[in-house]
C-alpha atoms as a PDB file:
ATOM      1  CA  MET A   1      72.636 149.596 129.796  1.00  0.00           C
ATOM      2  CA  LYS A   2      74.918 147.505 131.999  1.00  0.00           C
ATOM      3  CA  PRO A   3      73.492 143.999 132.584  1.00  0.00           C
ATOM      4  CA  SER A   4      72.862 142.822 136.128  1.00  0.00           C
ATOM      5  CA  VAL A   5      73.884 139.236 135.278  1.00  0.00           C
ATOM      6  CA  SER A   6      76.525 137.803 132.961  1.00  0.00           C
ATOM      7  CA  VAL A   7      75.648 134.210 132.086  1.00  0.00           C
ATOM      8  CA  ILE A   8      78.705 132.251 130.918  1.00  0.00           C
ATOM      9  CA  ILE A   9      78.607 129.052 128.880  1.00  0.00           C
ATOM     10  CA  PRO A  10      81.790 127.200 127.873  1.00  0.00           C
ATOM     11  CA  ALA A  11      80.978 125.063 124.833  1.00  0.00           C
ATOM     12  CA  TYR A  12      82.773 122.189 123.135  1.00  0.00           C
ATOM     13  CA  ASN A  13      81.115 119.969 120.498  1.00  0.00           C
ATOM     14  CA  VAL A  14      77.597 120.427 121.871  1.00  0.00           C
ATOM     15  CA  GLU A  15      75.652 121.343 118.747  1.00  0.00           C
ATOM     16  CA  ALA A  16      72.824 119.018 119.827  1.00  0.00           C
ATOM     17  CA  TYR A  17      72.398 120.616 123.263  1.00  0.00           C
ATOM     18  CA  LEU A  18      73.586 124.214 123.166  1.00  0.00           C
ATOM     19  CA  GLY A  19      70.330 125.562 121.752  1.00  0.00           C
ATOM     20  CA  ALA A  20      68.346 124.366 124.778  1.00  0.00           C
ATOM     21  CA  ALA A  21      70.823 126.022 127.142  1.00  0.00           C
ATOM     22  CA  ILE A  22      70.660 129.329 125.235  1.00  0.00           C
ATOM     23  CA  ASP A  23      66.866 129.220 124.998  1.00  0.00           C
ATOM     24  CA  SER A  24      66.573 128.732 128.760  1.00  0.00           C
ATOM     25  CA  VAL A  25      68.728 131.826 129.359  1.00  0.00           C
ATOM     26  CA  LEU A  26      66.787 133.994 126.925  1.00  0.00           C
ATOM     27  CA  ALA A  27      63.516 132.844 128.536  1.00  0.00           C
ATOM     28  CA  GLN A  28      64.531 134.111 131.987  1.00  0.00           C
ATOM     29  CA  THR A  29      62.051 136.382 133.744  1.00  0.00           C
ATOM     30  CA  ARG A  30      65.095 138.468 134.709  1.00  0.00           C
ATOM     31  CA  ARG A  31      65.665 140.321 131.452  1.00  0.00           C
ATOM     32  CA  ASP A  32      68.681 142.576 132.151  1.00  0.00           C
ATOM     33  CA  ILE A  33      71.271 139.931 131.318  1.00  0.00           C
ATOM     34  CA  GLU A  34      74.060 139.180 128.890  1.00  0.00           C
ATOM     35  CA  LEU A  35      75.058 135.754 127.638  1.00  0.00           C
ATOM     36  CA  ILE A  36      78.727 135.026 126.953  1.00  0.00           C
ATOM     37  CA  ILE A  37      79.459 131.803 125.043  1.00  0.00           C
ATOM     38  CA  VAL A  38      83.068 130.676 124.705  1.00  0.00           C
ATOM     39  CA  ASP A  39      83.633 128.025 122.061  1.00  0.00           C
ATOM     40  CA  ASP A  40      86.525 125.791 123.065  1.00  0.00           C
ATOM     41  CA  GLY A  41      87.759 124.682 119.658  1.00  0.00           C
ATOM     42  CA  SER A  42      84.676 122.726 118.614  1.00  0.00           C
ATOM     43  CA  THR A  43      84.865 120.593 115.486  1.00  0.00           C
ATOM     44  CA  ASP A  44      81.086 120.359 114.991  1.00  0.00           C
ATOM     45  CA  ARG A  45      78.463 123.102 114.397  1.00  0.00           C
ATOM     46  CA  THR A  46      78.563 124.504 117.956  1.00  0.00           C
ATOM     47  CA  VAL A  47      79.674 127.970 116.788  1.00  0.00           C
ATOM     48  CA  GLU A  48      77.012 127.992 114.077  1.00  0.00           C
ATOM     49  CA  VAL A  49      74.320 127.217 116.661  1.00  0.00           C
ATOM     50  CA  ALA A  50      75.560 130.015 118.936  1.00  0.00           C
ATOM     51  CA  GLU A  51      75.801 132.598 116.149  1.00  0.00           C
ATOM     52  CA  ARG A  52      72.384 131.953 114.628  1.00  0.00           C
ATOM     53  CA  TYR A  53      70.753 133.836 117.517  1.00  0.00           C
ATOM     54  CA  GLN A  54      70.232 137.502 116.674  1.00  0.00           C
ATOM     55  CA  ASP A  55      69.746 138.642 120.274  1.00  0.00           C
ATOM     56  CA  PRO A  56      72.098 141.584 121.015  1.00  0.00           C
ATOM     57  CA  ARG A  57      72.602 140.299 124.572  1.00  0.00           C
ATOM     58  CA  ILE A  58      74.633 137.347 123.235  1.00  0.00           C
ATOM     59  CA  ARG A  59      78.377 137.542 122.643  1.00  0.00           C
ATOM     60  CA  VAL A  60      80.375 134.631 121.236  1.00  0.00           C
ATOM     61  CA  PHE A  61      84.124 134.204 121.744  1.00  0.00           C
ATOM     62  CA  LYS A  62      86.357 131.485 120.282  1.00  0.00           C
ATOM     63  CA  ASN A  63      89.433 129.908 121.827  1.00  0.00           C
ATOM     64  CA  GLU A  64      92.282 129.402 119.362  1.00  0.00           C
ATOM     65  CA  ARG A  65      92.669 125.844 120.645  1.00  0.00           C
ATOM     66  CA  ASN A  66      90.877 123.502 123.017  1.00  0.00           C
ATOM     67  CA  ALA A  67      91.777 124.745 126.513  1.00  0.00           C
ATOM     68  CA  GLY A  68      89.123 123.119 128.695  1.00  0.00           C
ATOM     69  CA  ALA A  69      86.005 124.356 130.467  1.00  0.00           C
ATOM     70  CA  SER A  70      87.920 126.074 133.279  1.00  0.00           C
ATOM     71  CA  GLN A  71      89.941 128.308 130.957  1.00  0.00           C
ATOM     72  CA  SER A  72      86.850 129.005 128.848  1.00  0.00           C
ATOM     73  CA  ARG A  73      85.016 130.172 131.954  1.00  0.00           C
ATOM     74  CA  ASN A  74      87.962 132.392 132.850  1.00  0.00           C
ATOM     75  CA  VAL A  75      87.812 133.972 129.400  1.00  0.00           C
ATOM     76  CA  ALA A  76      84.094 134.630 129.879  1.00  0.00           C
ATOM     77  CA  ILE A  77      84.581 136.099 133.372  1.00  0.00           C
ATOM     78  CA  GLY A  78      87.173 138.441 131.908  1.00  0.00           C
ATOM     79  CA  HIS A  79      84.591 139.754 129.424  1.00  0.00           C
ATOM     80  CA  ALA A  80      81.680 139.828 131.900  1.00  0.00           C
ATOM     81  CA  ARG A  81      80.087 143.238 132.528  1.00  0.00           C
ATOM     82  CA  GLY A  82      77.343 142.161 134.931  1.00  0.00           C
ATOM     83  CA  GLU A  83      77.113 142.577 138.677  1.00  0.00           C
ATOM     84  CA  TRP A  84      76.697 138.798 138.944  1.00  0.00           C
ATOM     85  CA  VAL A  85      78.323 135.901 137.055  1.00  0.00           C
ATOM     86  CA  ALA A  86      76.134 132.824 136.531  1.00  0.00           C
ATOM     87  CA  ILE A  87      77.552 129.438 135.517  1.00  0.00           C
ATOM     88  CA  LEU A  88      75.670 127.257 133.009  1.00  0.00           C
ATOM     89  CA  ASP A  89      77.105 124.169 131.339  1.00  0.00           C
ATOM     90  CA  SER A  90      76.377 123.877 127.642  1.00  0.00           C
ATOM     91  CA  ASP A  91      74.320 120.670 127.881  1.00  0.00           C
ATOM     92  CA  ASP A  92      72.183 121.808 130.830  1.00  0.00           C
ATOM     93  CA  TRP A  93      69.362 124.333 131.177  1.00  0.00           C
ATOM     94  CA  TRP A  94      67.497 126.488 133.709  1.00  0.00           C
ATOM     95  CA  ALA A  95      63.957 126.974 134.932  1.00  0.00           C
ATOM     96  CA  GLU A  96      62.776 130.340 133.597  1.00  0.00           C
ATOM     97  CA  THR A  97      62.574 131.944 137.066  1.00  0.00           C
ATOM     98  CA  ARG A  98      66.009 130.792 138.247  1.00  0.00           C
ATOM     99  CA  LEU A  99      67.891 134.079 138.020  1.00  0.00           C
ATOM    100  CA  GLU A 100      65.036 136.121 139.468  1.00  0.00           C
ATOM    101  CA  ARG A 101      64.474 133.829 142.446  1.00  0.00           C
ATOM    102  CA  LEU A 102      68.138 133.239 143.296  1.00  0.00           C
ATOM    103  CA  LEU A 103      69.180 136.878 143.031  1.00  0.00           C
ATOM    104  CA  THR A 104      66.250 137.917 145.224  1.00  0.00           C
ATOM    105  CA  LEU A 105      67.475 135.373 147.779  1.00  0.00           C
ATOM    106  CA  ALA A 106      71.076 136.581 147.489  1.00  0.00           C
ATOM    107  CA  GLU A 107      70.150 140.210 148.032  1.00  0.00           C
ATOM    108  CA  ALA A 108      67.956 139.318 151.019  1.00  0.00           C
ATOM    109  CA  HIS A 109      70.918 137.565 152.688  1.00  0.00           C
ATOM    110  CA  GLY A 110      73.640 139.947 151.546  1.00  0.00           C
ATOM    111  CA  ALA A 111      75.344 136.969 149.882  1.00  0.00           C
ATOM    112  CA  ASP A 112      78.366 136.915 147.598  1.00  0.00           C
ATOM    113  CA  ILE A 113      77.360 133.517 146.166  1.00  0.00           C
ATOM    114  CA  VAL A 114      73.965 131.892 145.702  1.00  0.00           C
ATOM    115  CA  GLY A 115      73.106 128.365 144.540  1.00  0.00           C
ATOM    116  CA  ASP A 116      70.237 125.911 144.419  1.00  0.00           C
ATOM    117  CA  ASP A 117      69.312 122.237 144.234  1.00  0.00           C
ATOM    118  CA  ILE A 118      69.788 120.426 140.905  1.00  0.00           C
ATOM    119  CA  GLN A 119      67.249 118.504 138.843  1.00  0.00           C
ATOM    120  CA  LEU A 120      68.871 115.254 137.648  1.00  0.00           C
ATOM    121  CA  VAL A 121      67.722 114.386 134.127  1.00  0.00           C
ATOM    122  CA  LYS A 122      68.553 111.145 132.323  1.00  0.00           C
ATOM    123  CA  MET A 123      69.896 111.312 128.791  1.00  0.00           C
ATOM    124  CA  GLY A 124      67.062 111.471 126.245  1.00  0.00           C
ATOM    125  CA  GLU A 125      64.493 112.732 128.780  1.00  0.00           C
ATOM    126  CA  LEU A 126      63.243 116.180 129.715  1.00  0.00           C
ATOM    127  CA  ASP A 127      61.741 115.506 133.123  1.00  0.00           C
ATOM    128  CA  ALA A 128      63.903 114.886 136.176  1.00  0.00           C
ATOM    129  CA  GLN A 129      63.587 111.658 138.150  1.00  0.00           C
ATOM    130  CA  ALA A 130      64.903 113.267 141.336  1.00  0.00           C
ATOM    131  CA  THR A 131      67.009 116.149 142.604  1.00  0.00           C
ATOM    132  CA  PHE A 132      70.516 116.163 144.082  1.00  0.00           C
ATOM    133  CA  PHE A 133      69.179 116.926 147.576  1.00  0.00           C
ATOM    134  CA  GLN A 134      66.652 114.086 147.336  1.00  0.00           C
ATOM    135  CA  VAL A 135      69.156 111.487 146.111  1.00  0.00           C
ATOM    136  CA  HIS A 136      71.573 112.371 148.920  1.00  0.00           C
ATOM    137  CA  ALA A 137      69.020 112.983 151.678  1.00  0.00           C
ATOM    138  CA  HIS A 138      70.495 110.046 153.654  1.00  0.00           C
ATOM    139  CA  ARG A 139      73.603 112.144 154.341  1.00  0.00           C
ATOM    140  CA  LEU A 140      72.379 115.714 153.776  1.00  0.00           C
ATOM    141  CA  GLY A 141      69.119 115.374 155.679  1.00  0.00           C
ATOM    142  CA  VAL A 142      65.858 116.893 154.492  1.00  0.00           C
ATOM    143  CA  ILE A 143      66.476 120.358 153.045  1.00  0.00           C
ATOM    144  CA  ASP A 144      63.218 122.299 152.968  1.00  0.00           C
ATOM    145  CA  LYS A 145      64.409 125.884 153.344  1.00  0.00           C
ATOM    146  CA  PRO A 146      67.378 128.043 152.268  1.00  0.00           C
ATOM    147  CA  PHE A 147      70.597 127.686 154.261  1.00  0.00           C
ATOM    148  CA  GLU A 148      74.002 129.307 154.484  1.00  0.00           C
ATOM    149  CA  LEU A 149      76.907 127.171 153.317  1.00  0.00           C
ATOM    150  CA  SER A 150      80.308 127.327 155.023  1.00  0.00           C
ATOM    151  CA  ALA A 151      83.604 126.021 153.625  1.00  0.00           C
ATOM    152  CA  LEU A 152      83.581 123.178 156.160  1.00  0.00           C
ATOM    153  CA  ARG A 153      80.042 122.047 155.355  1.00  0.00           C
ATOM    154  CA  MET A 154      80.756 122.374 151.654  1.00  0.00           C
ATOM    155  CA  VAL A 155      83.602 119.846 151.926  1.00  0.00           C
ATOM    156  CA  VAL A 156      81.962 117.451 154.397  1.00  0.00           C
ATOM    157  CA  ASP A 157      78.711 117.225 152.414  1.00  0.00           C
ATOM    158  CA  ASP A 158      80.329 117.617 148.957  1.00  0.00           C
ATOM    159  CA  TYR A 159      78.369 120.548 147.571  1.00  0.00           C
ATOM    160  CA  GLY A 160      80.961 121.007 144.834  1.00  0.00           C
ATOM    161  CA  VAL A 161      78.457 119.897 142.201  1.00  0.00           C
ATOM    162  CA  LEU A 162      76.371 123.068 142.600  1.00  0.00           C
ATOM    163  CA  LYS A 163      76.356 125.651 139.798  1.00  0.00           C
ATOM    164  CA  PRO A 164      76.349 128.920 141.746  1.00  0.00           C
ATOM    165  CA  ILE A 165      75.966 132.562 140.820  1.00  0.00           C
ATOM    166  CA  PHE A 166      78.881 134.741 142.007  1.00  0.00           C
ATOM    167  CA  ARG A 167      79.043 138.451 142.738  1.00  0.00           C
ATOM    168  CA  LYS A 168      81.541 139.727 140.144  1.00  0.00           C
ATOM    169  CA  SER A 169      83.065 142.336 142.466  1.00  0.00           C
ATOM    170  CA  PHE A 170      83.918 139.590 144.973  1.00  0.00           C
ATOM    171  CA  LEU A 171      85.735 137.553 142.317  1.00  0.00           C
ATOM    172  CA  GLU A 172      87.699 140.612 141.236  1.00  0.00           C
ATOM    173  CA  GLU A 173      88.534 141.696 144.786  1.00  0.00           C
ATOM    174  CA  LYS A 174      89.861 138.231 145.688  1.00  0.00           C
ATOM    175  CA  GLY A 175      91.461 137.544 142.300  1.00  0.00           C
ATOM    176  CA  LEU A 176      89.503 134.302 141.923  1.00  0.00           C
ATOM    177  CA  ARG A 177      89.511 132.304 138.701  1.00  0.00           C
ATOM    178  CA  TYR A 178      89.059 128.639 137.786  1.00  0.00           C
ATOM    179  CA  ASN A 179      92.159 126.451 137.797  1.00  0.00           C
ATOM    180  CA  PRO A 180      92.801 125.519 134.116  1.00  0.00           C
ATOM    181  CA  ALA A 181      94.694 122.392 135.204  1.00  0.00           C
ATOM    182  CA  PHE A 182      91.497 120.673 136.348  1.00  0.00           C
ATOM    183  CA  LYS A 183      89.225 118.846 133.896  1.00  0.00           C
ATOM    184  CA  THR A 184      87.025 117.500 136.699  1.00  0.00           C
ATOM    185  CA  GLY A 185      86.470 118.855 140.187  1.00  0.00           C
ATOM    186  CA  GLU A 186      86.937 122.444 138.990  1.00  0.00           C
ATOM    187  CA  ASP A 187      83.610 123.532 140.484  1.00  0.00           C
ATOM    188  CA  PHE A 188      84.517 122.086 143.902  1.00  0.00           C
ATOM    189  CA  ASP A 189      87.932 123.762 143.849  1.00  0.00           C
ATOM    190  CA  PHE A 190      86.630 127.176 142.765  1.00  0.00           C
ATOM    191  CA  LEU A 191      83.747 127.226 145.224  1.00  0.00           C
ATOM    192  CA  LEU A 192      85.896 126.125 148.153  1.00  0.00           C
ATOM    193  CA  ARG A 193      88.539 128.759 147.438  1.00  0.00           C
ATOM    194  CA  ALA A 194      85.795 131.405 147.295  1.00  0.00           C
ATOM    195  CA  LEU A 195      84.352 130.284 150.631  1.00  0.00           C
ATOM    196  CA  LEU A 196      87.821 130.211 152.204  1.00  0.00           C
ATOM    197  CA  ALA A 197      88.216 133.805 151.009  1.00  0.00           C
ATOM    198  CA  SER A 198      85.292 134.697 153.321  1.00  0.00           C
ATOM    199  CA  ALA A 199      82.486 134.612 150.755  1.00  0.00           C
ATOM    200  CA  ARG A 200      78.979 134.452 152.190  1.00  0.00           C
ATOM    201  CA  MET A 201      76.928 131.812 150.369  1.00  0.00           C
ATOM    202  CA  VAL A 202      73.240 130.976 150.588  1.00  0.00           C
ATOM    203  CA  VAL A 203      71.672 127.905 148.971  1.00  0.00           C
ATOM    204  CA  SER A 204      68.019 127.659 147.956  1.00  0.00           C
ATOM    205  CA  ASN A 205      66.080 124.443 148.563  1.00  0.00           C
ATOM    206  CA  GLU A 206      64.431 124.939 145.164  1.00  0.00           C
ATOM    207  CA  ALA A 207      65.764 122.934 142.210  1.00  0.00           C
ATOM    208  CA  LEU A 208      65.968 125.390 139.316  1.00  0.00           C
ATOM    209  CA  TYR A 209      69.029 124.010 137.502  1.00  0.00           C
ATOM    210  CA  TYR A 210      68.550 121.035 135.137  1.00  0.00           C
ATOM    211  CA  TYR A 211      71.573 118.755 134.826  1.00  0.00           C
ATOM    212  CA  ARG A 212      71.660 116.389 131.845  1.00  0.00           C
ATOM    213  CA  ALA A 213      73.484 113.083 132.495  1.00  0.00           C
ATOM    214  CA  ARG A 214      75.179 112.800 129.088  1.00  0.00           C
ATOM    215  CA  GLY A 215      77.012 109.664 128.022  1.00  0.00           C
ATOM    216  CA  GLY A 216      79.742 111.470 126.092  1.00  0.00           C
ATOM    217  CA  SER A 217      80.792 113.765 128.935  1.00  0.00           C
ATOM    218  CA  LEU A 218      83.850 113.216 131.132  1.00  0.00           C
ATOM    219  CA  VAL A 219      81.772 112.547 134.245  1.00  0.00           C
ATOM    220  CA  ALA A 220      80.261 109.543 132.429  1.00  0.00           C
ATOM    221  CA  ASP A 221      83.625 107.801 132.932  1.00  0.00           C
ATOM    222  CA  PRO A 222      83.746 107.337 136.725  1.00  0.00           C
ATOM    223  CA  VAL A 223      87.364 106.151 136.816  1.00  0.00           C
ATOM    224  CA  LYS A 224      88.729 109.195 134.951  1.00  0.00           C
ATOM    225  CA  CYS A 225      86.353 111.541 136.729  1.00  0.00           C
ATOM    226  CA  LEU A 226      87.321 110.315 140.194  1.00  0.00           C
ATOM    227  CA  ALA A 227      91.027 110.330 139.289  1.00  0.00           C
ATOM    228  CA  GLY A 228      90.658 114.008 138.368  1.00  0.00           C
ATOM    229  CA  ILE A 229      88.850 114.734 141.622  1.00  0.00           C
ATOM    230  CA  LEU A 230      91.694 113.084 143.557  1.00  0.00           C
ATOM    231  CA  GLU A 231      94.220 115.325 141.762  1.00  0.00           C
ATOM    232  CA  MET A 232      92.104 118.354 142.656  1.00  0.00           C
ATOM    233  CA  ALA A 233      91.885 117.286 146.322  1.00  0.00           C
ATOM    234  CA  ASP A 234      95.645 116.751 146.472  1.00  0.00           C
ATOM    235  CA  ALA A 235      96.238 120.239 145.082  1.00  0.00           C
ATOM    236  CA  LEU A 236      93.929 121.763 147.690  1.00  0.00           C
ATOM    237  CA  LEU A 237      95.646 119.863 150.489  1.00  0.00           C
ATOM    238  CA  ARG A 238      98.962 121.306 149.328  1.00  0.00           C
ATOM    239  CA  THR A 239      97.707 124.891 149.218  1.00  0.00           C
ATOM    240  CA  VAL A 240      95.067 125.360 151.959  1.00  0.00           C
ATOM    241  CA  ASP A 241      96.681 126.735 155.115  1.00  0.00           C
ATOM    242  CA  GLY A 242      96.307 124.096 157.829  1.00  0.00           C
ATOM    243  CA  ARG A 243      96.948 126.611 160.601  1.00  0.00           C
ATOM    244  CA  THR A 244      94.183 128.980 159.511  1.00  0.00           C
ATOM    245  CA  HIS A 245      91.752 126.337 158.240  1.00  0.00           C
ATOM    246  CA  ALA A 246      92.571 123.224 160.302  1.00  0.00           C
ATOM    247  CA  GLU A 247      89.005 121.854 160.301  1.00  0.00           C
ATOM    248  CA  VAL A 248      88.673 122.300 156.549  1.00  0.00           C
ATOM    249  CA  VAL A 249      91.991 120.517 155.939  1.00  0.00           C
ATOM    250  CA  ARG A 250      90.858 117.562 158.079  1.00  0.00           C
ATOM    251  CA  ALA A 251      87.586 117.519 156.144  1.00  0.00           C
ATOM    252  CA  LEU A 252      89.532 117.573 152.859  1.00  0.00           C
ATOM    253  CA  GLU A 253      91.564 114.577 154.030  1.00  0.00           C
ATOM    254  CA  GLY A 254      88.316 112.742 154.757  1.00  0.00           C
ATOM    255  CA  PHE A 255      86.882 113.831 151.388  1.00  0.00           C
ATOM    256  CA  ARG A 256      89.971 112.523 149.599  1.00  0.00           C
ATOM    257  CA  ALA A 257      89.764 109.170 151.406  1.00  0.00           C
ATOM    258  CA  TRP A 258      86.073 108.921 150.466  1.00  0.00           C
ATOM    259  CA  LYS A 259      86.757 109.659 146.783  1.00  0.00           C
ATOM    260  CA  HIS A 260      89.740 107.304 146.726  1.00  0.00           C
ATOM    261  CA  ASP A 261      87.461 104.544 148.018  1.00  0.00           C
ATOM    262  CA  GLU A 262      84.968 105.333 145.252  1.00  0.00           C
ATOM    263  CA  TRP A 263      87.807 105.295 142.700  1.00  0.00           C
ATOM    264  CA  GLU A 264      88.983 101.856 143.861  1.00  0.00           C
ATOM    265  CA  ASN A 265      85.426 100.570 143.555  1.00  0.00           C
ATOM    266  CA  ALA A 266      84.984 102.099 140.099  1.00  0.00           C
ATOM    267  CA  ARG A 267      88.244 100.601 138.781  1.00  0.00           C
ATOM    268  CA  PHE A 268      86.802  97.118 139.386  1.00  0.00           C
ATOM    269  CA  ARG A 269      83.079  97.787 139.020  1.00  0.00           C
ATOM    270  CA  VAL A 270      83.304  99.262 135.507  1.00  0.00           C
ATOM    271  CA  PRO A 271      85.101  96.294 133.838  1.00  0.00           C
ATOM    272  CA  ILE A 272      83.016  93.691 135.668  1.00  0.00           C
ATOM    273  CA  ARG A 273      79.836  95.462 134.576  1.00  0.00           C
ATOM    274  CA  HIS A 274      80.979  95.170 130.955  1.00  0.00           C
ATOM    275  CA  GLY A 275      82.095  91.564 131.316  1.00  0.00           C
ATOM    276  CA  HIS A 276      85.825  92.310 131.007  1.00  0.00           C
ATOM    277  CA  LEU A 277      86.868  89.512 133.345  1.00  0.00           C
ATOM    278  CA  LEU A 278      90.527  89.447 132.255  1.00  0.00           C
ATOM    279  CA  GLN A 279      90.865  93.081 133.257  1.00  0.00           C
ATOM    280  CA  CYS A 280      89.309  92.253 136.623  1.00  0.00           C
ATOM    281  CA  LEU A 281      91.761  89.382 137.149  1.00  0.00           C
ATOM    282  CA  ALA A 282      94.685  91.652 136.224  1.00  0.00           C
ATOM    283  CA  LEU A 283      93.541  94.188 138.810  1.00  0.00           C
ATOM    284  CA  ALA A 284      93.299  91.466 141.438  1.00  0.00           C
ATOM    285  CA  ARG A 285      96.841  90.267 140.685  1.00  0.00           C
ATOM    286  CA  GLU A 286      98.236  93.813 140.807  1.00  0.00           C
ATOM    287  CA  ASN A 287      96.394  94.736 144.008  1.00  0.00           C
ATOM    288  CA  PRO A 288      96.209  91.699 146.317  1.00  0.00           C
ATOM    289  CA  ALA A 289      95.409  93.956 149.275  1.00  0.00           C
ATOM    290  CA  GLN A 290      92.146  94.861 147.500  1.00  0.00           C
ATOM    291  CA  LEU A 291      90.944  91.245 147.153  1.00  0.00           C
ATOM    292  CA  PRO A 292      88.277  91.576 149.900  1.00  0.00           C
ATOM    293  CA  ARG A 293      86.902  94.654 148.112  1.00  0.00           C
ATOM    294  CA  TYR A 294      86.909  92.901 144.733  1.00  0.00           C
ATOM    295  CA  ALA A 295      85.217  89.817 146.218  1.00  0.00           C
ATOM    296  CA  ARG A 296      82.437  92.002 147.653  1.00  0.00           C
ATOM    297  CA  LEU A 297      81.923  93.847 144.361  1.00  0.00           C
ATOM    298  CA  THR A 298      81.864  90.557 142.454  1.00  0.00           C
ATOM    299  CA  ALA A 299      79.248  89.166 144.847  1.00  0.00           C
ATOM    300  CA  GLU A 300      77.139  92.301 144.406  1.00  0.00           C
ATOM    301  CA  ARG A 301      77.291  91.897 140.633  1.00  0.00           C
ATOM    302  CA  VAL A 302      76.370  88.203 140.759  1.00  0.00           C
ATOM    303  CA  VAL A 303      73.401  88.912 143.041  1.00  0.00           C
ATOM    304  CA  LEU A 304      72.273  91.664 140.680  1.00  0.00           C
ATOM    305  CA  LEU A 305      72.515  89.396 137.636  1.00  0.00           C
ATOM    306  CA  VAL A 306      70.453  86.748 139.430  1.00  0.00           C
ATOM    307  CA  LEU A 307      67.858  89.135 140.793  1.00  0.00           C
ATOM    308  CA  LEU A 308      67.212  91.123 137.617  1.00  0.00           C
ATOM    309  CA  PRO A 309      65.577  88.270 135.652  1.00  0.00           C
ATOM    310  CA  VAL A 310      63.656  87.186 138.762  1.00  0.00           C
ATOM    311  CA  LEU A 311      62.304  90.705 139.262  1.00  0.00           C
ATOM    312  CA  SER A 312      61.439  90.941 135.558  1.00  0.00           C
ATOM    313  CA  CYS A 313      59.541  87.666 135.804  1.00  0.00           C
ATOM    314  CA  ILE A 314      57.634  88.859 138.872  1.00  0.00           C
ATOM    315  CA  ARG A 315      56.673  92.105 137.127  1.00  0.00           C
ATOM    316  CA  PHE A 316      55.530  90.125 134.072  1.00  0.00           C
ATOM    317  CA  LEU A 317      53.350  87.832 136.209  1.00  0.00           C
ATOM    318  CA  GLN A 318      51.882  90.767 138.110  1.00  0.00           C
ATOM    319  CA  SER A 319      51.075  92.521 134.853  1.00  0.00           C
ATOM    320  CA  GLY A 320      49.334  89.409 133.513  1.00  0.00           C
ATOM    321  CA  ARG A 321      47.319  89.074 136.719  1.00  0.00           C
ATOM    322  CA  ARG A 322      46.131  92.676 136.480  1.00  0.00           C
ATOM    323  CA  GLN A 323      45.107  92.161 132.855  1.00  0.00           C
ATOM    324  CA  ARG A 324      43.087  89.055 133.749  1.00  0.00           C
ATOM    325  CA  ARG A 325      41.274  90.930 136.506  1.00  0.00           C
ATOM    326  CA  ALA A 326      40.317  93.618 133.992  1.00  0.00           C
ATOM    327  CA  LEU A 327      38.651  91.074 131.661  1.00  0.00           C
ATOM    328  CA  PRO A 328      34.839  90.547 131.992  1.00  0.00           C
ATOM    329  CA  ALA A 329      33.681  87.412 133.813  1.00  0.00           C
ATOM    330  CA  PRO A 330      32.852  84.298 131.687  1.00  0.00           C
ATOM    331  CA  GLY A 331      29.338  84.391 130.263  1.00  0.00           C
ATOM    332  CA  THR A 332      29.119  88.160 130.296  1.00  0.00           C
ATOM    333  CA  SER A 333      29.674  90.528 127.411  1.00  0.00           C
ATOM    334  CA  GLY A 334      30.825  93.398 129.565  1.00  0.00           C
ATOM    335  CA  SER A 335      28.032  95.573 128.110  1.00  0.00           C
ATOM    336  CA  ALA A 336      24.625  96.562 129.467  1.00  0.00           C
ATOM    337  CA  PRO A 337      21.693  94.261 128.467  1.00  0.00           C
ATOM    338  CA  ALA A 338      19.479  95.437 125.633  1.00  0.00           C
ATOM    339  CA  SER A 339      16.089  96.836 126.680  1.00  0.00           C
END
């Protein structure tokens, strides 16, 4: 029987995490699925982990060489037989009702793409501290119901981090695939091109996708990550038609300026955080126009270094005070008198 959903997982050296991703797919309340795993030239036991599952819904493909997540996703889309294509990164996982709830929402809205909020999980933990919508509520506002996402809003509010589910027929009709040149920003690029191709997208306010903040991933290096995002934005600015999509192009220019500002901050903030003062001085010499920025970032770091021990001391004193209050008063045993 033809599956309704093709779940695709590109995998590279994730033997420690892939099992959790696979388990979350197989636990879905929506059962008519297939899972396509594309190994991207792993040198660890990633393939072994994928192949130990005996579920007939799983198919494993292997790239001859490391080609990147974008190309691996393209390979998986090419093999997908489902009506929908769902994206899952190999170190993340889903709530068990994710497919059922999102596809019900998509069908109700006649959508070509459906997405949801993201649970943000720290490395080594299983429970999220917050969601993407909550962390960015200061600019997104309070999102308490599903909403339709346009290309313009997607760029202005930077919804490129979402991990949507796409109607396969729409991708085929528009000839849409991920750009293999991008190592970061590929989700933003792909989603924007789909929306510009007149896709209808609805986003759930529920957070059913669990994102693991992993130290070894590319996004853990903000300088490289932001540099890749700038390359992606430049490519979009070269290719998006400014006559047809003038507002989107202006929004992309603003998005690029925003990410360039973050990149400039990261170039100085990362070495100063690790105490690499010579690297900071070299940056200041090479970029004298950025001295006001570097002075502000240095001041922020100094204030943080001063405040952290003070706050730790305050918490220690408060803890000691609470413990003293919990002790019985002098002259009492803390127990009821004998009868």
